[in-house]
Amino acid sequence: MDEPERRTTVTRRRQAQEDRRRRRTVFLRELVEARALRERVRPRHTRNERLRQMMRARTFRY
């Protein structure tokens, strides 16, 4: 593989990583928004879910 091909391969890989990070950021932002909306709409269910999650975190062992 000569130098120009290697350079384009590295550039493509870098762009793919940047695209992946951008998509991941958007996904995580939307996930937070969805959880906040869910908490406003169904406060009792989300409170119970949060308590269950805390219990799972306490009982989980490495």
PDB file of N, CA and C in Angstrom:
ATOM      1  N   MET A   1       0.858  -1.173   0.000  1.00  0.00           N
ATOM      2  CA  MET A   1       0.000   0.000   0.000  1.00  0.00           C
ATOM      3  C   MET A   1       0.900   1.230   0.000  1.00  0.00           C
ATOM      4  N   ASP A   2       0.676   2.123  -0.904  1.00  0.00           N
ATOM      5  CA  ASP A   2       1.516   3.319  -0.956  1.00  0.00           C
ATOM      6  C   ASP A   2       0.941   4.420  -0.054  1.00  0.00           C
ATOM      7  N   GLU A   3       1.673   5.486   0.088  1.00  0.00           N
ATOM      8  CA  GLU A   3       1.350   6.551   1.048  1.00  0.00           C
ATOM      9  C   GLU A   3      -0.014   7.210   0.812  1.00  0.00           C
ATOM     10  N   PRO A   4      -0.399   7.595  -0.413  1.00  0.00           N
ATOM     11  CA  PRO A   4      -1.723   8.230  -0.606  1.00  0.00           C
ATOM     12  C   PRO A   4      -2.878   7.310  -0.210  1.00  0.00           C
ATOM     13  N   GLU A   5      -2.768   6.023  -0.538  1.00  0.00           N
ATOM     14  CA  GLU A   5      -3.832   5.085  -0.157  1.00  0.00           C
ATOM     15  C   GLU A   5      -3.933   4.973   1.351  1.00  0.00           C
ATOM     16  N   ARG A   6      -2.794   4.883   2.005  1.00  0.00           N
ATOM     17  CA  ARG A   6      -2.778   4.781   3.460  1.00  0.00           C
ATOM     18  C   ARG A   6      -3.399   6.035   4.083  1.00  0.00           C
ATOM     19  N   ARG A   7      -3.073   7.185   3.526  1.00  0.00           N
ATOM     20  CA  ARG A   7      -3.593   8.447   4.050  1.00  0.00           C
ATOM     21  C   ARG A   7      -5.116   8.506   3.909  1.00  0.00           C
ATOM     22  N   THR A   8      -5.641   8.073   2.758  1.00  0.00           N
ATOM     23  CA  THR A   8      -7.097   8.101   2.576  1.00  0.00           C
ATOM     24  C   THR A   8      -7.776   7.095   3.494  1.00  0.00           C
ATOM     25  N   THR A   9      -7.132   5.952   3.721  1.00  0.00           N
ATOM     26  CA  THR A   9      -7.701   4.959   4.628  1.00  0.00           C
ATOM     27  C   THR A   9      -7.785   5.521   6.043  1.00  0.00           C
ATOM     28  N   VAL A  10      -6.728   6.179   6.480  1.00  0.00           N
ATOM     29  CA  VAL A  10      -6.716   6.781   7.819  1.00  0.00           C
ATOM     30  C   VAL A  10      -7.772   7.876   7.911  1.00  0.00           C
ATOM     31  N   THR A  11      -7.897   8.674   6.856  1.00  0.00           N
ATOM     32  CA  THR A  11      -8.885   9.749   6.843  1.00  0.00           C
ATOM     33  C   THR A  11     -10.295   9.181   6.913  1.00  0.00           C
ATOM     34  N   ARG A  12     -10.567   8.149   6.142  1.00  0.00           N
ATOM     35  CA  ARG A  12     -11.902   7.522   6.176  1.00  0.00           C
ATOM     36  C   ARG A  12     -12.200   6.951   7.551  1.00  0.00           C
ATOM     37  N   ARG A  13     -11.224   6.297   8.139  1.00  0.00           N
ATOM     38  CA  ARG A  13     -11.416   5.712   9.465  1.00  0.00           C
ATOM     39  C   ARG A  13     -11.703   6.806  10.495  1.00  0.00           C
ATOM     40  N   ARG A  14     -10.963   7.901  10.404  1.00  0.00           N
ATOM     41  CA  ARG A  14     -11.168   9.018  11.334  1.00  0.00           C
ATOM     42  C   ARG A  14     -12.562   9.613  11.152  1.00  0.00           C
ATOM     43  N   GLN A  15     -12.988   9.773   9.897  1.00  0.00           N
ATOM     44  CA  GLN A  15     -14.320  10.316   9.640  1.00  0.00           C
ATOM     45  C   GLN A  15     -15.400   9.371  10.160  1.00  0.00           C
ATOM     46  N   ALA A  16     -15.199   8.079   9.985  1.00  0.00           N
ATOM     47  CA  ALA A  16     -16.167   7.106  10.485  1.00  0.00           C
ATOM     48  C   ALA A  16     -16.273   7.185  12.002  1.00  0.00           C
ATOM     49  N   GLN A  17     -15.149   7.342  12.675  1.00  0.00           N
ATOM     50  CA  GLN A  17     -15.169   7.468  14.133  1.00  0.00           C
ATOM     51  C   GLN A  17     -15.882   8.746  14.564  1.00  0.00           C
ATOM     52  N   GLU A  18     -15.632   9.834  13.856  1.00  0.00           N
ATOM     53  CA  GLU A  18     -16.304  11.094  14.176  1.00  0.00           C
ATOM     54  C   GLU A  18     -17.812  10.974  13.961  1.00  0.00           C
ATOM     55  N   ASP A  19     -18.214  10.334  12.864  1.00  0.00           N
ATOM     56  CA  ASP A  19     -19.640  10.125  12.605  1.00  0.00           C
ATOM     57  C   ASP A  19     -20.267   9.280  13.702  1.00  0.00           C
ATOM     58  N   ARG A  20     -19.579   8.245  14.117  1.00  0.00           N
ATOM     59  CA  ARG A  20     -20.077   7.369  15.178  1.00  0.00           C
ATOM     60  C   ARG A  20     -20.248   8.149  16.479  1.00  0.00           C
ATOM     61  N   ARG A  21     -19.256   8.956  16.822  1.00  0.00           N
ATOM     62  CA  ARG A  21     -19.346   9.768  18.046  1.00  0.00           C
ATOM     63  C   ARG A  21     -20.502  10.755  17.967  1.00  0.00           C
ATOM     64  N   ARG A  22     -20.679  11.355  16.802  1.00  0.00           N
ATOM     65  CA  ARG A  22     -21.768  12.318  16.619  1.00  0.00           C
ATOM     66  C   ARG A  22     -23.123  11.627  16.776  1.00  0.00           C
ATOM     67  N   ARG A  23     -23.283  10.468  16.137  1.00  0.00           N
ATOM     68  CA  ARG A  23     -24.545   9.731  16.266  1.00  0.00           C
ATOM     69  C   ARG A  23     -24.786   9.297  17.706  1.00  0.00           C
ATOM     70  N   ARG A  24     -23.729   8.871  18.383  1.00  0.00           N
ATOM     71  CA  ARG A  24     -23.843   8.434  19.779  1.00  0.00           C
ATOM     72  C   ARG A  24     -24.261   9.600  20.666  1.00  0.00           C
ATOM     73  N   THR A  25     -23.690  10.767  20.436  1.00  0.00           N
ATOM     74  CA  THR A  25     -24.046  11.956  21.217  1.00  0.00           C
ATOM     75  C   THR A  25     -25.513  12.304  21.032  1.00  0.00           C
ATOM     76  N   VAL A  26     -25.978  12.270  19.802  1.00  0.00           N
ATOM     77  CA  VAL A  26     -27.388  12.558  19.525  1.00  0.00           C
ATOM     78  C   VAL A  26     -28.272  11.523  20.208  1.00  0.00           C
ATOM     79  N   PHE A  27     -27.910  10.253  20.104  1.00  0.00           N
ATOM     80  CA  PHE A  27     -28.694   9.189  20.722  1.00  0.00           C
ATOM     81  C   PHE A  27     -28.783   9.382  22.233  1.00  0.00           C
ATOM     82  N   LEU A  28     -27.658   9.640  22.878  1.00  0.00           N
ATOM     83  CA  LEU A  28     -27.659   9.804  24.332  1.00  0.00           C
ATOM     84  C   LEU A  28     -28.464  11.032  24.755  1.00  0.00           C
ATOM     85  N   ARG A  29     -28.376  12.102  23.979  1.00  0.00           N
ATOM     86  CA  ARG A  29     -29.158  13.301  24.288  1.00  0.00           C
ATOM     87  C   ARG A  29     -30.649  12.994  24.194  1.00  0.00           C
ATOM     88  N   GLU A  30     -31.059  12.289  23.141  1.00  0.00           N
ATOM     89  CA  GLU A  30     -32.471  11.937  22.985  1.00  0.00           C
ATOM     90  C   GLU A  30     -32.923  10.975  24.074  1.00  0.00           C
ATOM     91  N   LEU A  31     -32.045  10.086  24.493  1.00  0.00           N
ATOM     92  CA  LEU A  31     -32.377   9.148  25.564  1.00  0.00           C
ATOM     93  C   LEU A  31     -32.645   9.892  26.869  1.00  0.00           C
ATOM     94  N   VAL A  32     -31.816  10.859  27.185  1.00  0.00           N
ATOM     95  CA  VAL A  32     -32.018  11.663  28.399  1.00  0.00           C
ATOM     96  C   VAL A  32     -33.337  12.421  28.316  1.00  0.00           C
ATOM     97  N   GLU A  33     -33.626  12.989  27.153  1.00  0.00           N
ATOM     98  CA  GLU A  33     -34.886  13.714  26.977  1.00  0.00           C
ATOM     99  C   GLU A  33     -36.078  12.779  27.145  1.00  0.00           C
ATOM    100  N   ALA A  34     -35.986  11.586  26.590  1.00  0.00           N
ATOM    101  CA  ALA A  34     -37.077  10.621  26.696  1.00  0.00           C
ATOM    102  C   ALA A  34     -37.296  10.205  28.144  1.00  0.00           C
ATOM    103  N   ARG A  35     -36.221   9.996  28.877  1.00  0.00           N
ATOM    104  CA  ARG A  35     -36.355   9.625  30.297  1.00  0.00           C
ATOM    105  C   ARG A  35     -36.980  10.759  31.098  1.00  0.00           C
ATOM    106  N   ALA A  36     -36.581  11.992  30.809  1.00  0.00           N
ATOM    107  CA  ALA A  36     -37.157  13.138  31.515  1.00  0.00           C
ATOM    108  C   ALA A  36     -38.651  13.258  31.215  1.00  0.00           C
ATOM    109  N   LEU A  37     -39.026  13.075  29.963  1.00  0.00           N
ATOM    110  CA  LEU A  37     -40.435  13.126  29.593  1.00  0.00           C
ATOM    111  C   LEU A  37     -41.210  12.022  30.294  1.00  0.00           C
ATOM    112  N   ARG A  38     -40.650  10.838  30.305  1.00  0.00           N
ATOM    113  CA  ARG A  38     -41.307   9.705  30.950  1.00  0.00           C
ATOM    114  C   ARG A  38     -41.502   9.969  32.440  1.00  0.00           C
ATOM    115  N   GLU A  39     -40.512  10.583  33.072  1.00  0.00           N
ATOM    116  CA  GLU A  39     -40.624  10.884  34.497  1.00  0.00           C
ATOM    117  C   GLU A  39     -41.728  11.900  34.759  1.00  0.00           C
ATOM    118  N   ARG A  40     -41.876  12.870  33.865  1.00  0.00           N
ATOM    119  CA  ARG A  40     -42.947  13.857  34.031  1.00  0.00           C
ATOM    120  C   ARG A  40     -44.317  13.230  33.815  1.00  0.00           C
ATOM    121  N   VAL A  41     -44.409  12.314  32.879  1.00  0.00           N
ATOM    122  CA  VAL A  41     -45.701  11.738  32.522  1.00  0.00           C
ATOM    123  C   VAL A  41     -46.129  10.667  33.523  1.00  0.00           C
ATOM    124  N   ARG A  42     -45.177   9.849  33.961  1.00  0.00           N
ATOM    125  CA  ARG A  42     -45.506   8.739  34.863  1.00  0.00           C
ATOM    126  C   ARG A  42     -44.583   8.769  36.091  1.00  0.00           C
ATOM    127  N   PRO A  43     -44.773   9.728  37.003  1.00  0.00           N
ATOM    128  CA  PRO A  43     -43.827   9.874  38.108  1.00  0.00           C
ATOM    129  C   PRO A  43     -43.763   8.654  39.026  1.00  0.00           C
ATOM    130  N   ARG A  44     -44.889   8.010  39.297  1.00  0.00           N
ATOM    131  CA  ARG A  44     -44.869   6.868  40.213  1.00  0.00           C
ATOM    132  C   ARG A  44     -44.086   5.705  39.615  1.00  0.00           C
ATOM    133  N   HIS A  45     -44.318   5.435  38.342  1.00  0.00           N
ATOM    134  CA  HIS A  45     -43.617   4.327  37.690  1.00  0.00           C
ATOM    135  C   HIS A  45     -42.117   4.585  37.628  1.00  0.00           C
ATOM    136  N   THR A  46     -41.756   5.810  37.321  1.00  0.00           N
ATOM    137  CA  THR A  46     -40.323   6.102  37.220  1.00  0.00           C
ATOM    138  C   THR A  46     -39.661   6.066  38.587  1.00  0.00           C
ATOM    139  N   ARG A  47     -40.393   6.483  39.628  1.00  0.00           N
ATOM    140  CA  ARG A  47     -39.819   6.409  40.977  1.00  0.00           C
ATOM    141  C   ARG A  47     -39.551   4.958  41.357  1.00  0.00           C
ATOM    142  N   ASN A  48     -40.523   4.084  41.090  1.00  0.00           N
ATOM    143  CA  ASN A  48     -40.337   2.660  41.383  1.00  0.00           C
ATOM    144  C   ASN A  48     -39.197   2.080  40.556  1.00  0.00           C
ATOM    145  N   GLU A  49     -39.128   2.474  39.308  1.00  0.00           N
ATOM    146  CA  GLU A  49     -38.052   1.989  38.443  1.00  0.00           C
ATOM    147  C   GLU A  49     -36.690   2.449  38.956  1.00  0.00           C
ATOM    148  N   ARG A  50     -36.620   3.691  39.406  1.00  0.00           N
ATOM    149  CA  ARG A  50     -35.367   4.223  39.953  1.00  0.00           C
ATOM    150  C   ARG A  50     -34.957   3.461  41.217  1.00  0.00           C
ATOM    151  N   LEU A  51     -35.922   3.146  42.082  1.00  0.00           N
ATOM    152  CA  LEU A  51     -35.621   2.373  43.291  1.00  0.00           C
ATOM    153  C   LEU A  51     -35.140   0.967  42.937  1.00  0.00           C
ATOM    154  N   ARG A  52     -35.777   0.339  41.956  1.00  0.00           N
ATOM    155  CA  ARG A  52     -35.329  -0.996  41.524  1.00  0.00           C
ATOM    156  C   ARG A  52     -33.914  -0.943  40.975  1.00  0.00           C
ATOM    157  N   GLN A  53     -33.621   0.100  40.205  1.00  0.00           N
ATOM    158  CA  GLN A  53     -32.276   0.253  39.647  1.00  0.00           C
ATOM    159  C   GLN A  53     -31.249   0.425  40.760  1.00  0.00           C
ATOM    160  N   MET A  54     -31.591   1.184  41.785  1.00  0.00           N
ATOM    161  CA  MET A  54     -30.674   1.372  42.912  1.00  0.00           C
ATOM    162  C   MET A  54     -30.435   0.053  43.645  1.00  0.00           C
ATOM    163  N   MET A  55     -31.488  -0.747  43.800  1.00  0.00           N
ATOM    164  CA  MET A  55     -31.327  -2.051  44.459  1.00  0.00           C
ATOM    165  C   MET A  55     -30.435  -2.961  43.617  1.00  0.00           C
ATOM    166  N   ARG A  56     -30.636  -2.945  42.309  1.00  0.00           N
ATOM    167  CA  ARG A  56     -29.781  -3.750  41.432  1.00  0.00           C
ATOM    168  C   ARG A  56     -28.331  -3.317  41.545  1.00  0.00           C
ATOM    169  N   ALA A  57     -28.107  -2.017  41.599  1.00  0.00           N
ATOM    170  CA  ALA A  57     -26.740  -1.507  41.697  1.00  0.00           C
ATOM    171  C   ALA A  57     -26.104  -1.919  43.020  1.00  0.00           C
ATOM    172  N   ARG A  58     -26.884  -1.954  44.098  1.00  0.00           N
ATOM    173  CA  ARG A  58     -26.340  -2.342  45.404  1.00  0.00           C
ATOM    174  C   ARG A  58     -26.001  -3.816  45.473  1.00  0.00           C
ATOM    175  N   THR A  59     -26.815  -4.645  44.809  1.00  0.00           N
ATOM    176  CA  THR A  59     -26.614  -6.087  44.941  1.00  0.00           C
ATOM    177  C   THR A  59     -25.656  -6.642  43.899  1.00  0.00           C
ATOM    178  N   PHE A  60     -25.303  -5.831  42.915  1.00  0.00           N
ATOM    179  CA  PHE A  60     -24.407  -6.313  41.858  1.00  0.00           C
ATOM    180  C   PHE A  60     -22.995  -6.442  42.390  1.00  0.00           C
ATOM    181  N   ARG A  61     -22.373  -7.577  42.127  1.00  0.00           N
ATOM    182  CA  ARG A  61     -20.996  -7.815  42.564  1.00  0.00           C
ATOM    183  C   ARG A  61     -20.123  -8.061  41.350  1.00  0.00           C
ATOM    184  N   TYR A  62     -18.888  -7.588  41.417  1.00  0.00           N
ATOM    185  CA  TYR A  62     -17.945  -7.780  40.319  1.00  0.00           C
ATOM    186  C   TYR A  62     -17.347  -9.153  40.361  1.00  0.00           C
TER     187      TYR A  62
END
